[in-house]
Amino acid sequence: MELKTTENPIETAGPARQVLSNLFYGWGYNFYRKENQLRADDLLIRGKVSEMLAAMRAHLAGLERDWRRERLPAPTREHPFPDAAAVATAQGLQRAQQGIESLETKVRTAPVPEMDRVMQRHVNERDALERLAAVDGDLVLAAKSALDAVAGLPDPATATAGVAAILAQSGMEALLARRAEVLSAVAMA
């Protein structure tokens, strides 16, 4: 995945660049610095991954709703208790949704290096943010492949068994761990 780069109009502005740079740094950030663009890209990418995970969860919720409507009717005198297999499938779909929701929360709350003026003197933040962008790009590809695989599961019974395997095969948990490793390397530097 390739991120969009834009030219910084301030870098070629001469003396005006110094004034603008001082103004931006006075507020604690500079909109035009590459590091801030990478931070914003990181937020956008994780937002898209989160949307894909929410779409997966919504698909499973639709399957569960339809399954409950078809297989778990209201109790009657003839059938006071629901079919145990149908209940197990519905509960499996709920567990799968909860697993996706947990993963979505991890993606949304994943940390980003703070913009610390003291650390900027000692750490090359741009390299770390570029490595994070690369990991996040892999995360997008993994989420897209998982979304396509889950969307291709029309049967709730196979979805119950298949979602955990699809998520494990996508490697999103491993990518989040790799992302944490990149951040810990920045913190140690």
Protein backbone atom coordinates (compact mmCIF):
# COMPACT_ATOMS: atom_id res chain seq x y z
CA MET A 1 0.00 0.00 0.00
CA GLU A 2 1.40 3.38 -0.92
CA LEU A 3 0.59 6.52 0.99
CA LYS A 4 -0.04 9.80 -0.78
CA THR A 5 2.71 12.39 -0.46
CA THR A 6 2.21 16.08 -0.96
CA GLU A 7 4.70 18.86 -1.42
CA ASN A 8 5.17 21.17 1.52
CA PRO A 9 4.65 24.78 0.34
CA ILE A 10 6.34 26.16 3.44
CA GLU A 11 9.72 24.51 2.77
CA THR A 12 10.38 26.75 -0.23
CA ALA A 13 8.94 29.96 1.23
CA GLY A 14 12.22 31.51 2.47
CA PRO A 15 11.97 33.90 5.42
CA ALA A 16 8.20 33.41 5.64
CA ARG A 17 8.91 29.76 6.39
CA GLN A 18 10.70 30.67 9.59
CA VAL A 19 7.83 32.84 10.80
CA LEU A 20 5.21 30.23 9.98
CA SER A 21 7.29 27.45 11.47
CA ASN A 22 7.67 29.42 14.70
CA LEU A 23 3.93 30.06 14.77
CA PHE A 24 3.09 26.41 14.29
CA TYR A 25 5.68 25.21 16.80
CA GLY A 26 4.38 27.77 19.27
CA TRP A 27 1.09 25.83 19.28
CA GLY A 28 2.93 22.53 19.64
CA TYR A 29 2.53 21.15 16.14
CA ASN A 30 3.14 21.89 12.51
CA PHE A 31 0.51 20.75 10.02
CA TYR A 32 3.05 20.56 7.22
CA ARG A 33 5.72 18.39 8.82
CA LYS A 34 6.01 14.89 7.40
CA GLU A 35 5.73 13.38 10.88
CA ASN A 36 2.34 14.98 11.39
CA GLN A 37 1.16 13.81 7.98
CA LEU A 38 2.22 10.28 8.92
CA ARG A 39 0.37 10.58 12.24
CA ALA A 40 -2.77 11.68 10.41
CA ASP A 41 -2.35 8.86 7.87
CA ASP A 42 -2.03 6.41 10.75
CA LEU A 43 -5.33 7.59 12.21
CA LEU A 44 -7.05 7.39 8.82
CA ILE A 45 -5.72 3.91 8.12
CA ARG A 46 -6.75 2.59 11.52
CA GLY A 47 -10.16 4.21 11.05
CA LYS A 48 -10.62 2.35 7.74
CA VAL A 49 -9.52 -0.94 9.30
CA SER A 50 -11.99 -0.35 12.09
CA GLU A 51 -14.74 0.31 9.53
CA MET A 52 -13.91 -2.97 7.79
CA LEU A 53 -14.10 -4.83 11.09
CA ALA A 54 -17.42 -3.13 11.83
CA ALA A 55 -18.72 -4.28 8.43
CA MET A 56 -17.66 -7.84 9.30
CA ARG A 57 -19.48 -7.60 12.59
CA ALA A 58 -22.58 -6.19 10.88
CA HIS A 59 -22.58 -9.08 8.39
CA LEU A 60 -22.42 -11.58 11.23
CA ALA A 61 -25.17 -9.72 13.09
CA GLY A 62 -27.35 -10.00 9.98
CA LEU A 63 -26.66 -13.71 9.74
CA GLU A 64 -27.49 -14.12 13.41
CA ARG A 65 -30.71 -12.12 13.08
CA ASP A 66 -31.87 -14.19 10.10
CA TRP A 67 -30.85 -17.43 11.83
CA ARG A 68 -32.82 -16.54 14.96
CA ARG A 69 -35.84 -15.55 12.88
CA GLU A 70 -35.81 -18.82 10.93
CA ARG A 71 -34.62 -21.35 13.51
CA LEU A 72 -35.62 -19.93 16.90
CA PRO A 73 -39.34 -19.17 16.79
CA ALA A 74 -41.34 -18.11 19.81
CA PRO A 75 -42.05 -21.01 22.18
CA THR A 76 -45.34 -22.85 21.83
CA ARG A 77 -47.04 -25.62 23.83
CA GLU A 78 -45.80 -28.19 21.35
CA HIS A 79 -42.23 -26.79 21.36
CA PRO A 80 -41.59 -24.93 24.61
CA PHE A 81 -37.81 -25.14 24.32
CA PRO A 82 -35.69 -24.01 21.36
CA ASP A 83 -33.54 -26.37 19.34
CA ALA A 84 -30.20 -26.74 21.15
CA ALA A 85 -28.18 -26.80 17.92
CA ALA A 86 -29.83 -23.59 16.69
CA VAL A 87 -29.12 -21.89 20.02
CA ALA A 88 -25.49 -23.05 19.89
CA THR A 89 -25.10 -21.59 16.38
CA ALA A 90 -26.64 -18.27 17.44
CA GLN A 91 -24.34 -18.12 20.47
CA GLY A 92 -21.36 -18.97 18.27
CA LEU A 93 -22.23 -16.04 16.00
CA GLN A 94 -22.45 -13.78 19.05
CA ARG A 95 -19.01 -14.94 20.24
CA ALA A 96 -17.57 -14.28 16.78
CA GLN A 97 -19.03 -10.76 16.84
CA GLN A 98 -17.52 -10.16 20.26
CA GLY A 99 -14.12 -11.33 19.02
CA ILE A 100 -14.28 -8.94 16.08
CA GLU A 101 -15.41 -6.14 18.37
CA SER A 102 -12.42 -6.82 20.64
CA LEU A 103 -10.08 -6.68 17.67
CA GLU A 104 -11.72 -3.47 16.48
CA THR A 105 -11.15 -1.90 19.89
CA LYS A 106 -7.48 -2.89 19.79
CA VAL A 107 -7.12 -1.28 16.36
CA ARG A 108 -8.89 1.94 17.37
CA THR A 109 -6.96 2.35 20.61
CA ALA A 110 -3.53 1.41 19.27
CA PRO A 111 -1.02 4.04 20.40
CA VAL A 112 0.99 6.39 18.23
CA PRO A 113 4.22 8.07 19.30
CA GLU A 114 3.41 11.36 20.94
CA MET A 115 4.74 14.58 19.55
CA ASP A 116 7.25 15.26 22.27
CA ARG A 117 9.61 18.14 21.56
CA VAL A 118 12.30 16.73 23.86
CA MET A 119 12.22 13.27 22.25
CA GLN A 120 12.37 14.78 18.76
CA ARG A 121 15.94 15.78 19.47
CA HIS A 122 16.98 12.22 20.30
CA VAL A 123 14.76 9.97 18.19
CA ASN A 124 14.23 9.88 14.45
CA GLU A 125 10.47 9.91 14.67
CA ARG A 126 9.90 9.92 10.92
CA ASP A 127 11.47 6.49 10.46
CA ALA A 128 9.31 5.02 13.22
CA LEU A 129 6.17 6.57 11.78
CA GLU A 130 7.05 5.28 8.31
CA ARG A 131 7.52 1.79 9.75
CA LEU A 132 4.15 2.15 11.49
CA ALA A 133 2.58 3.22 8.19
CA ALA A 134 4.00 0.10 6.53
CA VAL A 135 2.58 -2.13 9.28
CA ASP A 136 -0.75 -0.30 9.06
CA GLY A 137 -0.76 -0.88 5.29
CA ASP A 138 -0.37 -4.60 5.93
CA LEU A 139 -3.17 -4.32 8.49
CA VAL A 140 -5.47 -2.85 5.84
CA LEU A 141 -4.71 -5.69 3.44
CA ALA A 142 -5.32 -8.28 6.18
CA ALA A 143 -8.60 -6.63 7.18
CA LYS A 144 -9.78 -6.45 3.57
CA SER A 145 -9.01 -10.11 2.94
CA ALA A 146 -10.77 -11.09 6.18
CA LEU A 147 -13.77 -8.92 5.29
CA ASP A 148 -14.05 -10.56 1.87
CA ALA A 149 -13.75 -14.02 3.41
CA VAL A 150 -16.38 -13.34 6.10
CA ALA A 151 -18.72 -11.72 3.58
CA GLY A 152 -18.46 -14.93 1.53
CA LEU A 153 -19.87 -17.00 4.40
CA PRO A 154 -23.60 -17.12 3.67
CA ASP A 155 -24.41 -19.96 6.07
CA PRO A 156 -24.45 -19.17 9.81
CA ALA A 157 -23.33 -22.68 10.75
CA THR A 158 -20.15 -22.41 8.67
CA ALA A 159 -19.67 -18.79 9.77
CA THR A 160 -19.64 -19.86 13.41
CA ALA A 161 -16.74 -22.20 12.80
CA GLY A 162 -15.01 -20.19 10.10
CA VAL A 163 -14.71 -16.68 11.52
CA ALA A 164 -12.11 -17.58 14.15
CA ALA A 165 -10.03 -19.35 11.52
CA ILE A 166 -10.35 -16.44 9.10
CA LEU A 167 -9.24 -13.95 11.74
CA ALA A 168 -6.32 -16.17 12.76
CA GLN A 169 -5.30 -16.64 9.14
CA SER A 170 -5.47 -12.89 8.44
CA GLY A 171 -2.73 -12.27 11.00
CA MET A 172 -4.22 -9.05 12.34
CA GLU A 173 -3.28 -9.91 15.93
CA ALA A 174 0.32 -10.52 14.82
CA LEU A 175 0.35 -7.22 12.93
CA LEU A 176 -0.88 -5.39 16.02
CA ALA A 177 1.91 -7.07 18.01
CA ARG A 178 4.43 -6.02 15.35
CA ARG A 179 3.07 -2.48 15.58
CA ALA A 180 3.62 -2.55 19.35
CA GLU A 181 7.21 -3.74 18.76
CA VAL A 182 7.87 -0.78 16.48
CA LEU A 183 6.53 1.56 19.14
CA SER A 184 8.56 -0.07 21.90
CA ALA A 185 11.70 0.32 19.77
CA VAL A 186 10.94 4.04 19.54
CA ALA A 187 10.40 4.28 23.30
CA MET A 188 13.70 2.52 23.98
CA ALA A 189 15.72 4.75 21.64
